[in-house]
Amino acid sequence: MEPIILNSLPAEIDRQSLFDSLRLKPGRPVPPELDRLTADAQRLGRPKAVYLLAGILSKTDNGVLVEGGPDGEVAFESHILRLNLEPAHRLFPYLVTAGVELDDWARSDPDPLIRFYADQIQEQALHSAVHALADHVAAAYQIGPLSRMNPGSLADWPLTQQRPLFSLFGEAAAAIGVQLQPSLLMTPTKTVSGILFESETSFASCQLCPRPNCPNRRAPYDPDLYEQRYA
C-alpha cells in the first residue's frame, strides 16, 4: 500500500502534562509566558504524519520480513518485535512530527527559558499527534487497541533500524518535512518513528526500560516482563 499522509493533526496541549514536565507544583503560580506560548503553538502548529499498511511476509527467529521498500521487502530485526507480532499478519509503520512550523517557532526566541518552555510545548503537541494517528488507524481499519514500538527505544531494536523503516516511505517522509540524518536521528527534532500493531496484550517499550526519571515514560517499568514474555 502507498504511504498515507495526514497533514492536519491536532496540536493539542495538555496543560497538566505540560505543568508536570516543567515540574510546576500545584498551587504555584503559572509563568505568564506559558499561556501565550501555548496559544501561539496551537495557532501555528501543523503536526503531520505518514503511515502505511504493510503485510508481514514471513517471521524468523529474531525478526520479521514485511512488504514494501525499493526491493519489495524489508527486514526488521528484533526478538521482542518478533514475539509481539506473533499473532499479527500486518503492521503500520509510521512517522509523526510536530512539524517544521513549530520547530522554527521554538528556535526563534533568544531567551533560553522561553526556548525551554517552547520545547516542552512542542513535546506535548507531538504526543497529541501520535495519539491522533493511532486513533485514525484504529478507526480506518476498524481494529481494537494498538501497541507501538520505536527504533532505538530498546537495545533489542536499535536505532540502526531507522534505515529499513525509512526505506518504506520513500519521498513521503520529505513530504511531511522529515529527514533522517547520518546520525540516524531525525529532523525536525520533535519527530518519532515506529510501528503500530494490533495486540490483545498492551505493550510499550517503557515496560522493559529501567531508566529512572524518564520524561517520556509511557508505562511503568516491569522487571519481570522480559522473563515472562520474551526470554
Foldseek 3Di string as FASTA:
>chain_A
DAKDKDFAFFQDFDVVLLCVLVVPDPPDDDPPVLVVLLVVLRVQWTKMKIKDKWFFPAADQFWTWIAAFPVGIFIFGFLVVRLQCVVPGIKMWMKIASAPRLLCVLPPDPDPVSSVSSVSSSLRSRVSRVVVVQVVVCVVVVADDKAKDFACLDPRRHLVCLVRSVRRHPCVCVVRPWDQDPVSQIPPNRMTIIMITHGPDHDDSQLCDPDPPDSPRPDHHPPCVCVVRRD
